[in-house]
């Protein structure tokens, strides 16, 4: 294998979640990999564990564990772009929170709550401030998050609203992210969701 790429961003990400496990139990933490270029990526993460006080021990115990993440970035397979129907004229491009020169992402993150086997939906908006059409590639998340648009064409000085749904089949806390690629680079939209009682 070639040497890992040295980059100034994190190709691995997850939404920070605190959790508690029962004795002998497990806690699953989904990790997303979003490389901006082909190549091999390595990163070291450190996890902080706290064992609460018990009988015979008045104070809790803290432990640190390190894991090494490794991923390979490859070029995506080409697929035809989709033109969403809900394209609208954009009038507030300057209020974008995160952007490249060709696309503004006007949402910092999406948070969902739903009962098991129920579906809820939210949307995020992408804006094109240029005088030419911009093609955007979306790296869609894993279930229980769903986004149906792998490619989007945004008309000049227009916005598109992209729906994202959360449909949990089991109870728990879920995290992921949507990668939004343009010719200028990649934007990330963190997703998080948890189940609630009916």
N, C-alpha and C. Protein backbone atom coordinates (compact mmCIF):
# COMPACT_ATOMS: atom_id res chain seq x y z
N UNK A 1 0.83 -1.20 0.00
CA UNK A 1 0.00 0.00 0.00
C UNK A 1 0.87 1.25 0.00
N UNK A 2 0.43 2.33 -0.68
CA UNK A 2 1.17 3.58 -0.62
C UNK A 2 1.05 4.21 0.76
N UNK A 3 1.89 5.22 1.01
CA UNK A 3 1.85 5.89 2.30
C UNK A 3 0.51 6.61 2.48
N UNK A 4 -0.01 6.68 3.73
CA UNK A 4 -1.26 7.41 3.97
C UNK A 4 -1.11 8.88 3.59
N UNK A 5 -2.24 9.50 3.20
CA UNK A 5 -2.23 10.90 2.82
C UNK A 5 -2.22 11.77 4.08
N UNK A 6 -1.42 12.84 4.07
CA UNK A 6 -1.42 13.79 5.17
C UNK A 6 -2.33 14.95 4.78
N UNK A 7 -3.42 15.12 5.50
CA UNK A 7 -4.41 16.15 5.19
C UNK A 7 -4.71 16.95 6.45
N UNK A 8 -5.34 18.12 6.27
CA UNK A 8 -5.64 19.01 7.38
C UNK A 8 -7.11 18.95 7.79
N UNK A 9 -7.80 17.90 7.44
CA UNK A 9 -9.19 17.72 7.87
C UNK A 9 -9.35 16.28 8.33
N UNK A 10 -10.45 16.01 9.02
CA UNK A 10 -10.71 14.65 9.49
C UNK A 10 -11.58 13.92 8.47
N UNK A 11 -11.04 12.87 7.88
CA UNK A 11 -11.82 12.07 6.94
C UNK A 11 -12.78 11.13 7.68
N UNK A 12 -12.54 10.91 8.96
CA UNK A 12 -13.41 10.08 9.79
C UNK A 12 -14.19 11.01 10.72
N UNK A 13 -15.47 10.74 10.91
CA UNK A 13 -16.26 11.63 11.76
C UNK A 13 -17.43 10.87 12.37
N UNK A 14 -17.90 11.40 13.48
CA UNK A 14 -19.14 10.94 14.10
C UNK A 14 -19.64 12.06 15.00
N UNK A 15 -20.95 12.08 15.27
CA UNK A 15 -21.51 13.05 16.19
C UNK A 15 -21.24 12.61 17.61
N UNK A 16 -20.68 13.49 18.42
CA UNK A 16 -20.30 13.13 19.79
C UNK A 16 -21.52 12.68 20.58
N UNK A 17 -21.48 11.47 21.12
CA UNK A 17 -22.58 10.91 21.89
C UNK A 17 -22.03 10.28 23.15
N UNK A 18 -22.62 10.62 24.28
CA UNK A 18 -22.26 9.97 25.53
C UNK A 18 -23.23 8.82 25.77
N UNK A 19 -22.73 7.72 26.26
CA UNK A 19 -23.59 6.57 26.49
C UNK A 19 -23.20 5.82 27.75
N UNK A 20 -24.11 5.05 28.28
CA UNK A 20 -23.88 4.23 29.46
C UNK A 20 -24.21 2.79 29.12
N UNK A 21 -23.34 1.87 29.48
CA UNK A 21 -23.58 0.46 29.24
C UNK A 21 -23.75 -0.27 30.55
N UNK A 22 -24.61 -1.27 30.55
CA UNK A 22 -24.79 -2.13 31.72
C UNK A 22 -23.65 -3.14 31.78
N UNK A 23 -23.44 -3.79 32.93
CA UNK A 23 -22.36 -4.79 33.02
C UNK A 23 -22.50 -5.85 31.94
N UNK A 24 -21.44 -6.05 31.18
CA UNK A 24 -21.47 -7.02 30.09
C UNK A 24 -22.12 -6.50 28.83
N UNK A 25 -22.62 -5.25 28.84
CA UNK A 25 -23.32 -4.70 27.68
C UNK A 25 -22.36 -4.08 26.69
N UNK A 26 -22.89 -3.60 25.59
CA UNK A 26 -22.09 -2.98 24.54
C UNK A 26 -22.73 -1.66 24.12
N UNK A 27 -21.92 -0.78 23.55
CA UNK A 27 -22.38 0.50 23.00
C UNK A 27 -21.80 0.62 21.59
N UNK A 28 -22.66 0.73 20.60
CA UNK A 28 -22.24 0.82 19.21
C UNK A 28 -22.09 2.28 18.80
N UNK A 29 -20.95 2.64 18.23
CA UNK A 29 -20.69 4.01 17.78
C UNK A 29 -20.42 3.97 16.28
N UNK A 30 -21.37 4.36 15.43
CA UNK A 30 -21.13 4.39 13.99
C UNK A 30 -20.10 5.46 13.63
N UNK A 31 -19.18 5.13 12.76
CA UNK A 31 -18.14 6.04 12.30
C UNK A 31 -18.26 6.19 10.78
N UNK A 32 -18.26 7.41 10.30
CA UNK A 32 -18.37 7.68 8.87
C UNK A 32 -17.01 8.07 8.30
N UNK A 33 -16.77 7.69 7.06
CA UNK A 33 -15.50 7.96 6.37
C UNK A 33 -15.80 8.79 5.14
N UNK A 34 -15.27 10.02 5.09
CA UNK A 34 -15.54 10.92 3.99
C UNK A 34 -14.23 11.52 3.45
N UNK A 35 -13.49 10.75 2.63
CA UNK A 35 -12.25 11.30 2.05
C UNK A 35 -12.58 12.27 0.92
N UNK A 36 -11.78 13.30 0.78
CA UNK A 36 -11.99 14.27 -0.29
C UNK A 36 -11.22 13.92 -1.55
N UNK A 37 -10.24 13.01 -1.44
CA UNK A 37 -9.45 12.59 -2.58
C UNK A 37 -9.15 11.10 -2.46
N UNK A 38 -8.88 10.41 -3.57
CA UNK A 38 -8.47 9.00 -3.48
C UNK A 38 -7.18 8.86 -2.68
N UNK A 39 -7.02 7.75 -1.98
CA UNK A 39 -5.81 7.50 -1.21
C UNK A 39 -6.11 6.76 0.08
N UNK A 40 -5.09 6.54 0.88
CA UNK A 40 -5.22 5.83 2.16
C UNK A 40 -5.15 6.84 3.29
N UNK A 41 -6.04 6.71 4.25
CA UNK A 41 -6.14 7.65 5.37
C UNK A 41 -6.01 6.89 6.69
N UNK A 42 -5.25 7.47 7.62
CA UNK A 42 -5.08 6.92 8.96
C UNK A 42 -5.38 8.01 9.99
N UNK A 43 -6.02 7.61 11.07
CA UNK A 43 -6.25 8.55 12.16
C UNK A 43 -6.35 7.79 13.48
N UNK A 44 -5.82 8.38 14.55
CA UNK A 44 -5.89 7.78 15.88
C UNK A 44 -6.93 8.51 16.71
N UNK A 45 -7.85 7.76 17.31
CA UNK A 45 -8.86 8.33 18.20
C UNK A 45 -8.64 7.83 19.61
N UNK A 46 -8.96 8.67 20.58
CA UNK A 46 -8.84 8.31 21.98
C UNK A 46 -10.22 8.37 22.64
N UNK A 47 -10.59 7.30 23.33
CA UNK A 47 -11.88 7.22 24.02
C UNK A 47 -11.64 7.25 25.52
N UNK A 48 -12.52 7.95 26.22
CA UNK A 48 -12.42 8.11 27.67
C UNK A 48 -13.54 7.30 28.32
N UNK A 49 -13.18 6.32 29.14
CA UNK A 49 -14.15 5.48 29.82
C UNK A 49 -14.17 5.81 31.31
N UNK A 50 -15.35 5.86 31.90
CA UNK A 50 -15.48 6.10 33.33
C UNK A 50 -16.31 4.98 33.95
N UNK A 51 -15.72 4.29 34.93
CA UNK A 51 -16.43 3.25 35.68
C UNK A 51 -16.90 3.87 36.98
N UNK A 52 -18.22 3.90 37.25
CA UNK A 52 -18.73 4.60 38.43
C UNK A 52 -18.33 3.89 39.73
N UNK A 53 -18.43 4.60 40.86
CA UNK A 53 -18.10 3.99 42.16
C UNK A 53 -18.99 2.79 42.46
N UNK A 54 -18.45 1.84 43.19
CA UNK A 54 -19.20 0.65 43.62
C UNK A 54 -18.93 0.40 45.09
N UNK A 55 -19.57 -0.62 45.63
CA UNK A 55 -19.30 -0.98 47.02
C UNK A 55 -17.83 -1.37 47.18
N UNK A 56 -17.22 -0.82 48.17
CA UNK A 56 -15.80 -1.08 48.39
C UNK A 56 -14.89 -0.15 47.62
N UNK A 57 -15.47 0.70 46.76
CA UNK A 57 -14.66 1.66 46.01
C UNK A 57 -15.42 2.98 45.95
N UNK A 58 -14.88 4.00 46.64
CA UNK A 58 -15.59 5.26 46.82
C UNK A 58 -15.53 6.17 45.59
N UNK A 59 -14.52 5.99 44.77
CA UNK A 59 -14.36 6.85 43.60
C UNK A 59 -14.44 6.04 42.32
N UNK A 60 -14.82 6.70 41.24
CA UNK A 60 -14.87 6.04 39.94
C UNK A 60 -13.48 5.87 39.34
N UNK A 61 -13.41 5.06 38.33
CA UNK A 61 -12.15 4.77 37.65
C UNK A 61 -12.27 5.26 36.20
N UNK A 62 -11.28 6.03 35.75
CA UNK A 62 -11.25 6.52 34.38
C UNK A 62 -10.16 5.82 33.60
N UNK A 63 -10.50 5.39 32.40
CA UNK A 63 -9.54 4.72 31.53
C UNK A 63 -9.58 5.37 30.15
N UNK A 64 -8.45 5.36 29.48
CA UNK A 64 -8.36 5.86 28.10
C UNK A 64 -7.93 4.73 27.18
N UNK A 65 -8.61 4.62 26.06
CA UNK A 65 -8.25 3.62 25.05
C UNK A 65 -8.09 4.31 23.70
N UNK A 66 -7.11 3.85 22.94
CA UNK A 66 -6.88 4.40 21.61
C UNK A 66 -7.20 3.36 20.54
N UNK A 67 -7.78 3.84 19.44
CA UNK A 67 -8.00 2.98 18.28
C UNK A 67 -7.44 3.68 17.06
N UNK A 68 -6.99 2.91 16.10
CA UNK A 68 -6.45 3.45 14.85
C UNK A 68 -7.44 3.15 13.73
N UNK A 69 -7.87 4.19 13.04
CA UNK A 69 -8.80 4.05 11.92
C UNK A 69 -8.03 4.12 10.62
N UNK A 70 -8.38 3.27 9.68
CA UNK A 70 -7.73 3.26 8.37
C UNK A 70 -8.81 3.13 7.30
N UNK A 71 -8.70 3.94 6.28
CA UNK A 71 -9.67 3.89 5.19
C UNK A 71 -9.02 4.19 3.86
N UNK A 72 -9.63 3.72 2.81
CA UNK A 72 -9.13 3.97 1.44
C UNK A 72 -10.18 4.75 0.67
N UNK A 73 -9.79 5.89 0.12
CA UNK A 73 -10.67 6.68 -0.71
C UNK A 73 -10.54 6.28 -2.17
N UNK A 74 -11.67 6.06 -2.83
CA UNK A 74 -11.69 5.67 -4.23
C UNK A 74 -12.61 6.61 -4.99
N UNK A 75 -12.45 6.67 -6.29
CA UNK A 75 -13.32 7.51 -7.12
C UNK A 75 -14.70 6.88 -7.22
N UNK A 76 -15.78 7.68 -7.08
CA UNK A 76 -17.14 7.12 -7.17
C UNK A 76 -17.50 6.73 -8.59
N UNK A 77 -18.41 5.78 -8.72
CA UNK A 77 -18.92 5.40 -10.04
C UNK A 77 -19.83 6.50 -10.57
N UNK A 78 -19.73 6.84 -11.84
CA UNK A 78 -20.59 7.90 -12.37
C UNK A 78 -22.04 7.47 -12.42
N UNK A 79 -22.94 8.39 -12.12
CA UNK A 79 -24.37 8.14 -12.21
C UNK A 79 -25.04 9.40 -12.71
N UNK A 80 -26.18 9.29 -13.41
CA UNK A 80 -26.82 10.47 -13.99
C UNK A 80 -27.37 11.40 -12.92
N UNK A 81 -27.24 12.71 -13.12
CA UNK A 81 -27.75 13.66 -12.14
C UNK A 81 -29.27 13.69 -12.11
N UNK A 82 -29.82 14.08 -10.96
CA UNK A 82 -31.27 14.20 -10.77
C UNK A 82 -31.59 15.66 -10.55
N UNK A 83 -32.64 16.13 -11.18
CA UNK A 83 -33.07 17.52 -11.00
C UNK A 83 -34.27 17.53 -10.05
N UNK A 84 -34.10 17.97 -8.80
CA UNK A 84 -35.24 18.03 -7.89
C UNK A 84 -36.27 19.03 -8.40
N UNK A 85 -37.55 18.75 -8.11
CA UNK A 85 -38.62 19.62 -8.56
C UNK A 85 -38.72 20.90 -7.74
N UNK A 86 -38.25 20.85 -6.49
CA UNK A 86 -38.48 21.97 -5.60
C UNK A 86 -37.35 22.98 -5.63
N UNK A 87 -36.90 23.36 -6.84
CA UNK A 87 -35.88 24.40 -6.99
C UNK A 87 -36.54 25.77 -6.86
N UNK A 88 -35.91 26.68 -6.12
CA UNK A 88 -36.51 27.99 -5.89
C UNK A 88 -35.45 29.06 -5.97
N UNK A 89 -35.87 30.27 -6.26
CA UNK A 89 -34.96 31.41 -6.35
C UNK A 89 -34.41 31.73 -4.98
N UNK A 90 -33.10 31.93 -4.89
CA UNK A 90 -32.48 32.20 -3.60
C UNK A 90 -32.33 33.70 -3.38
N UNK A 91 -32.74 34.20 -2.18
CA UNK A 91 -32.66 35.62 -1.91
C UNK A 91 -31.82 35.96 -0.70
N UNK A 92 -31.19 34.96 -0.05
CA UNK A 92 -30.43 35.24 1.17
C UNK A 92 -29.16 34.42 1.21
N UNK A 93 -28.34 34.51 0.17
CA UNK A 93 -27.14 33.70 0.09
C UNK A 93 -26.13 34.07 1.16
N UNK A 94 -26.11 35.31 1.60
CA UNK A 94 -25.10 35.74 2.54
C UNK A 94 -25.28 35.15 3.93
N UNK A 95 -26.44 34.57 4.22
CA UNK A 95 -26.69 34.01 5.55
C UNK A 95 -26.19 32.58 5.69
N UNK A 96 -25.53 32.04 4.66
CA UNK A 96 -25.05 30.67 4.73
C UNK A 96 -24.02 30.51 5.83
N UNK A 97 -24.08 29.37 6.53
CA UNK A 97 -23.15 29.11 7.62
C UNK A 97 -21.89 28.41 7.14
N UNK A 98 -22.03 27.52 6.13
CA UNK A 98 -20.87 26.80 5.62
C UNK A 98 -20.96 26.78 4.11
N UNK A 99 -19.80 26.97 3.44
CA UNK A 99 -19.89 27.09 1.99
C UNK A 99 -18.55 26.83 1.34
N UNK A 100 -18.63 26.52 0.03
CA UNK A 100 -17.51 26.67 -0.89
C UNK A 100 -17.89 27.81 -1.83
N UNK A 101 -17.03 28.12 -2.78
CA UNK A 101 -17.32 29.22 -3.68
C UNK A 101 -18.54 28.95 -4.55
N UNK A 102 -18.84 27.65 -4.78
CA UNK A 102 -19.92 27.34 -5.71
C UNK A 102 -21.20 26.87 -5.03
N UNK A 103 -21.17 26.53 -3.75
CA UNK A 103 -22.37 26.03 -3.06
C UNK A 103 -22.38 26.52 -1.62
N UNK A 104 -23.54 26.97 -1.14
CA UNK A 104 -23.75 27.30 0.26
C UNK A 104 -24.61 26.23 0.90
N UNK A 105 -24.19 25.72 2.06
CA UNK A 105 -25.00 24.81 2.87
C UNK A 105 -25.55 25.63 4.03
N UNK A 106 -26.86 25.79 4.09
CA UNK A 106 -27.47 26.71 5.04
C UNK A 106 -27.98 26.01 6.30
N UNK A 107 -27.52 24.79 6.53
CA UNK A 107 -27.92 24.03 7.72
C UNK A 107 -26.67 23.45 8.37
N UNK A 108 -26.53 23.62 9.70
CA UNK A 108 -25.34 23.13 10.39
C UNK A 108 -25.44 21.64 10.69
N UNK A 109 -26.64 21.14 11.01
CA UNK A 109 -26.84 19.74 11.33
C UNK A 109 -28.34 19.45 11.35
N UNK A 110 -28.69 18.18 11.32
CA UNK A 110 -30.08 17.75 11.43
C UNK A 110 -30.22 16.78 12.59
N UNK A 111 -31.23 17.00 13.43
CA UNK A 111 -31.49 16.13 14.58
C UNK A 111 -32.91 15.60 14.47
N UNK A 112 -33.06 14.28 14.64
CA UNK A 112 -34.35 13.62 14.48
C UNK A 112 -34.76 12.91 15.77
N UNK A 113 -36.06 12.80 15.98
CA UNK A 113 -36.63 11.96 17.02
C UNK A 113 -37.83 11.23 16.43
N UNK A 114 -37.91 9.92 16.66
CA UNK A 114 -39.02 9.15 16.11
C UNK A 114 -39.18 7.87 16.91
N UNK A 115 -40.40 7.37 16.98
CA UNK A 115 -40.65 6.06 17.58
C UNK A 115 -40.19 4.98 16.62
N UNK A 116 -39.90 3.81 17.15
CA UNK A 116 -39.46 2.68 16.32
C UNK A 116 -40.51 2.38 15.26
N UNK A 117 -40.07 2.18 14.02
CA UNK A 117 -40.91 1.89 12.85
C UNK A 117 -41.73 3.08 12.39
N UNK A 118 -41.48 4.26 12.93
CA UNK A 118 -42.10 5.49 12.43
C UNK A 118 -41.08 6.26 11.59
N UNK A 119 -41.59 7.12 10.72
CA UNK A 119 -40.72 7.89 9.83
C UNK A 119 -40.97 9.38 10.04
N UNK A 120 -39.89 10.14 10.20
CA UNK A 120 -39.98 11.60 10.24
C UNK A 120 -39.06 12.17 9.17
N UNK A 121 -39.33 13.39 8.73
CA UNK A 121 -38.57 13.98 7.64
C UNK A 121 -38.18 15.40 7.97
N UNK A 122 -36.96 15.76 7.57
CA UNK A 122 -36.50 17.14 7.64
C UNK A 122 -35.83 17.46 6.31
N UNK A 123 -35.49 18.72 6.13
CA UNK A 123 -34.88 19.14 4.87
C UNK A 123 -33.67 20.03 5.16
N UNK A 124 -32.77 20.10 4.19
CA UNK A 124 -31.70 21.08 4.22
C UNK A 124 -31.62 21.75 2.86
N UNK A 125 -31.05 22.95 2.83
CA UNK A 125 -31.04 23.76 1.61
C UNK A 125 -29.62 23.97 1.11
N UNK A 126 -29.45 23.78 -0.20
CA UNK A 126 -28.20 24.08 -0.89
C UNK A 126 -28.45 25.22 -1.86
N UNK A 127 -27.54 26.21 -1.88
CA UNK A 127 -27.71 27.39 -2.74
C UNK A 127 -26.53 27.55 -3.67
N UNK A 128 -26.82 27.94 -4.90
CA UNK A 128 -25.81 28.19 -5.93
C UNK A 128 -25.77 29.68 -6.23
N UNK A 129 -24.70 30.39 -5.81
CA UNK A 129 -24.64 31.83 -6.05
C UNK A 129 -24.07 32.21 -7.42
N UNK A 130 -23.63 31.22 -8.20
CA UNK A 130 -22.94 31.50 -9.45
C UNK A 130 -23.92 31.74 -10.59
N UNK A 131 -23.39 32.21 -11.70
CA UNK A 131 -24.20 32.46 -12.90
C UNK A 131 -24.20 31.27 -13.84
N UNK A 132 -23.76 30.12 -13.33
CA UNK A 132 -23.76 28.89 -14.12
C UNK A 132 -24.29 27.74 -13.28
N UNK A 133 -24.72 26.69 -13.95
CA UNK A 133 -25.27 25.52 -13.27
C UNK A 133 -24.17 24.78 -12.49
N UNK A 134 -24.51 24.28 -11.30
CA UNK A 134 -23.56 23.56 -10.46
C UNK A 134 -24.10 22.15 -10.20
N UNK A 135 -23.22 21.16 -10.38
CA UNK A 135 -23.59 19.77 -10.09
C UNK A 135 -23.04 19.38 -8.72
N UNK A 136 -23.88 18.79 -7.91
CA UNK A 136 -23.53 18.39 -6.56
C UNK A 136 -23.73 16.89 -6.43
N UNK A 137 -22.75 16.21 -5.86
CA UNK A 137 -22.85 14.78 -5.58
C UNK A 137 -23.05 14.58 -4.08
N UNK A 138 -24.07 13.83 -3.72
CA UNK A 138 -24.35 13.55 -2.31
C UNK A 138 -23.95 12.12 -2.00
N UNK A 139 -23.14 11.95 -0.94
CA UNK A 139 -22.84 10.62 -0.44
C UNK A 139 -23.85 10.33 0.65
N UNK A 140 -24.86 9.53 0.29
CA UNK A 140 -26.03 9.37 1.14
C UNK A 140 -25.68 8.55 2.38
N UNK A 141 -26.39 8.80 3.49
CA UNK A 141 -26.10 8.11 4.74
C UNK A 141 -26.66 6.70 4.75
N UNK A 142 -26.32 5.97 5.80
CA UNK A 142 -26.82 4.61 5.99
C UNK A 142 -28.13 4.65 6.76
N UNK A 143 -28.97 3.59 6.64
CA UNK A 143 -30.16 3.51 7.47
C UNK A 143 -29.79 3.57 8.95
N UNK A 144 -30.64 4.18 9.78
CA UNK A 144 -32.02 4.58 9.51
C UNK A 144 -32.20 5.95 8.86
N UNK A 145 -31.11 6.59 8.39
CA UNK A 145 -31.23 7.85 7.66
C UNK A 145 -31.35 7.55 6.16
N UNK A 146 -32.16 8.32 5.46
CA UNK A 146 -32.39 8.06 4.04
C UNK A 146 -32.44 9.38 3.27
N UNK A 147 -31.73 9.42 2.13
CA UNK A 147 -31.74 10.57 1.23
C UNK A 147 -31.71 10.01 -0.20
N UNK A 148 -32.67 10.41 -1.03
CA UNK A 148 -32.88 9.76 -2.32
C UNK A 148 -32.12 10.40 -3.49
N UNK A 149 -31.37 11.46 -3.24
CA UNK A 149 -30.76 12.19 -4.35
C UNK A 149 -29.25 12.00 -4.36
N UNK A 150 -28.71 11.09 -5.21
CA UNK A 150 -27.25 10.95 -5.27
C UNK A 150 -26.57 12.09 -6.01
N UNK A 151 -27.26 12.70 -6.98
CA UNK A 151 -26.71 13.85 -7.71
C UNK A 151 -27.79 14.90 -7.89
N UNK A 152 -27.39 16.16 -7.82
CA UNK A 152 -28.33 17.27 -7.93
C UNK A 152 -27.73 18.33 -8.84
N UNK A 153 -28.53 18.89 -9.71
CA UNK A 153 -28.15 20.03 -10.54
C UNK A 153 -28.85 21.27 -9.99
N UNK A 154 -28.07 22.29 -9.62
CA UNK A 154 -28.63 23.53 -9.08
C UNK A 154 -28.49 24.62 -10.13
N UNK A 155 -29.61 25.19 -10.51
CA UNK A 155 -29.61 26.24 -11.52
C UNK A 155 -28.89 27.49 -11.02
N UNK A 156 -28.41 28.36 -11.93
CA UNK A 156 -27.71 29.57 -11.51
C UNK A 156 -28.54 30.43 -10.56
N UNK A 157 -27.92 30.87 -9.47
CA UNK A 157 -28.53 31.75 -8.47
C UNK A 157 -29.86 31.17 -7.98
N UNK A 158 -29.87 29.89 -7.72
CA UNK A 158 -31.05 29.20 -7.21
C UNK A 158 -30.67 28.37 -5.98
N UNK A 159 -31.71 27.88 -5.32
CA UNK A 159 -31.55 26.97 -4.19
C UNK A 159 -32.37 25.72 -4.43
N UNK A 160 -31.96 24.62 -3.81
CA UNK A 160 -32.75 23.40 -3.81
C UNK A 160 -32.91 22.94 -2.37
N UNK A 161 -34.06 22.39 -2.08
CA UNK A 161 -34.34 21.83 -0.77
C UNK A 161 -34.29 20.32 -0.87
N UNK A 162 -33.45 19.69 -0.05
CA UNK A 162 -33.22 18.25 -0.13
C UNK A 162 -33.82 17.58 1.11
N UNK A 163 -34.73 16.61 0.91
CA UNK A 163 -35.33 15.94 2.07
C UNK A 163 -34.45 14.81 2.60
N UNK A 164 -34.45 14.66 3.91
CA UNK A 164 -33.77 13.56 4.60
C UNK A 164 -34.78 12.95 5.58
N UNK A 165 -34.89 11.64 5.60
CA UNK A 165 -35.83 10.99 6.51
C UNK A 165 -35.09 10.11 7.51
N UNK A 166 -35.74 9.90 8.64
CA UNK A 166 -35.22 9.06 9.73
C UNK A 166 -36.28 8.01 10.03
N UNK A 167 -35.92 6.74 9.83
CA UNK A 167 -36.88 5.64 9.96
C UNK A 167 -36.23 4.50 10.75
N UNK A 168 -36.19 4.62 12.09
CA UNK A 168 -35.50 3.59 12.89
C UNK A 168 -36.29 2.30 12.99
N UNK A 169 -35.61 1.19 12.83
CA UNK A 169 -36.22 -0.13 12.99
C UNK A 169 -36.02 -0.71 14.39
N UNK A 170 -35.01 -0.19 15.09
CA UNK A 170 -34.72 -0.62 16.46
C UNK A 170 -34.49 0.63 17.30
N UNK A 171 -34.60 0.51 18.61
CA UNK A 171 -34.39 1.64 19.51
C UNK A 171 -32.90 1.92 19.65
N UNK A 172 -32.57 3.18 19.95
CA UNK A 172 -31.18 3.54 20.16
C UNK A 172 -30.88 4.96 19.71
N UNK A 173 -29.58 5.29 19.72
CA UNK A 173 -29.07 6.58 19.26
C UNK A 173 -28.27 6.33 17.98
N UNK A 174 -28.50 7.13 16.95
CA UNK A 174 -27.88 6.92 15.65
C UNK A 174 -27.20 8.21 15.18
N UNK A 175 -26.04 8.07 14.57
CA UNK A 175 -25.32 9.22 14.03
C UNK A 175 -24.74 8.87 12.66
N UNK A 176 -24.67 9.85 11.80
CA UNK A 176 -24.08 9.68 10.47
C UNK A 176 -23.85 11.07 9.90
N UNK A 177 -23.56 11.16 8.63
CA UNK A 177 -23.36 12.46 7.97
C UNK A 177 -23.59 12.28 6.48
N UNK A 178 -23.97 13.37 5.83
CA UNK A 178 -24.10 13.41 4.38
C UNK A 178 -22.91 14.17 3.82
N UNK A 179 -22.17 13.55 2.90
CA UNK A 179 -21.09 14.23 2.21
C UNK A 179 -21.62 14.95 0.98
N UNK A 180 -21.29 16.22 0.83
CA UNK A 180 -21.79 17.05 -0.27
C UNK A 180 -20.58 17.50 -1.09
N UNK A 181 -20.40 16.90 -2.26
CA UNK A 181 -19.21 17.16 -3.08
C UNK A 181 -19.53 18.08 -4.25
N UNK A 182 -18.64 19.06 -4.45
CA UNK A 182 -18.68 19.91 -5.63
C UNK A 182 -17.27 19.96 -6.21
N UNK A 183 -17.08 20.73 -7.27
CA UNK A 183 -15.75 20.87 -7.85
C UNK A 183 -14.78 21.57 -6.90
N UNK A 184 -15.31 22.33 -5.95
CA UNK A 184 -14.48 23.09 -5.02
C UNK A 184 -14.10 22.31 -3.76
N UNK A 185 -14.73 21.17 -3.52
CA UNK A 185 -14.41 20.42 -2.31
C UNK A 185 -15.63 19.74 -1.73
N UNK A 186 -15.57 19.43 -0.43
CA UNK A 186 -16.63 18.67 0.24
C UNK A 186 -17.13 19.42 1.47
N UNK A 187 -18.45 19.41 1.62
CA UNK A 187 -19.11 19.87 2.83
C UNK A 187 -19.71 18.67 3.53
N UNK A 188 -19.81 18.73 4.85
CA UNK A 188 -20.40 17.65 5.63
C UNK A 188 -21.60 18.17 6.40
N UNK A 189 -22.69 17.42 6.36
CA UNK A 189 -23.89 17.72 7.14
C UNK A 189 -24.08 16.62 8.17
N UNK A 190 -23.74 16.85 9.46
CA UNK A 190 -23.92 15.82 10.48
C UNK A 190 -25.40 15.49 10.71
N UNK A 191 -25.68 14.21 10.91
CA UNK A 191 -27.03 13.74 11.21
C UNK A 191 -27.01 13.00 12.55
N UNK A 192 -28.01 13.20 13.35
CA UNK A 192 -28.16 12.44 14.59
C UNK A 192 -29.64 12.22 14.86
N UNK A 193 -29.95 11.12 15.48
CA UNK A 193 -31.34 10.80 15.78
C UNK A 193 -31.45 9.81 16.90
N UNK A 194 -32.54 9.84 17.62
CA UNK A 194 -32.78 8.86 18.67
C UNK A 194 -34.25 8.48 18.69
N UNK A 195 -34.50 7.29 19.19
CA UNK A 195 -35.87 6.79 19.27
C UNK A 195 -36.53 7.27 20.56
N UNK A 196 -37.85 7.43 20.49
CA UNK A 196 -38.64 7.87 21.64
C UNK A 196 -39.83 6.93 21.79
N UNK A 197 -40.44 6.87 23.00
CA UNK A 197 -41.61 6.01 23.18
C UNK A 197 -42.77 6.47 22.31
N UNK A 198 -43.64 5.56 21.98
CA UNK A 198 -44.83 5.90 21.19
C UNK A 198 -45.81 6.71 22.03
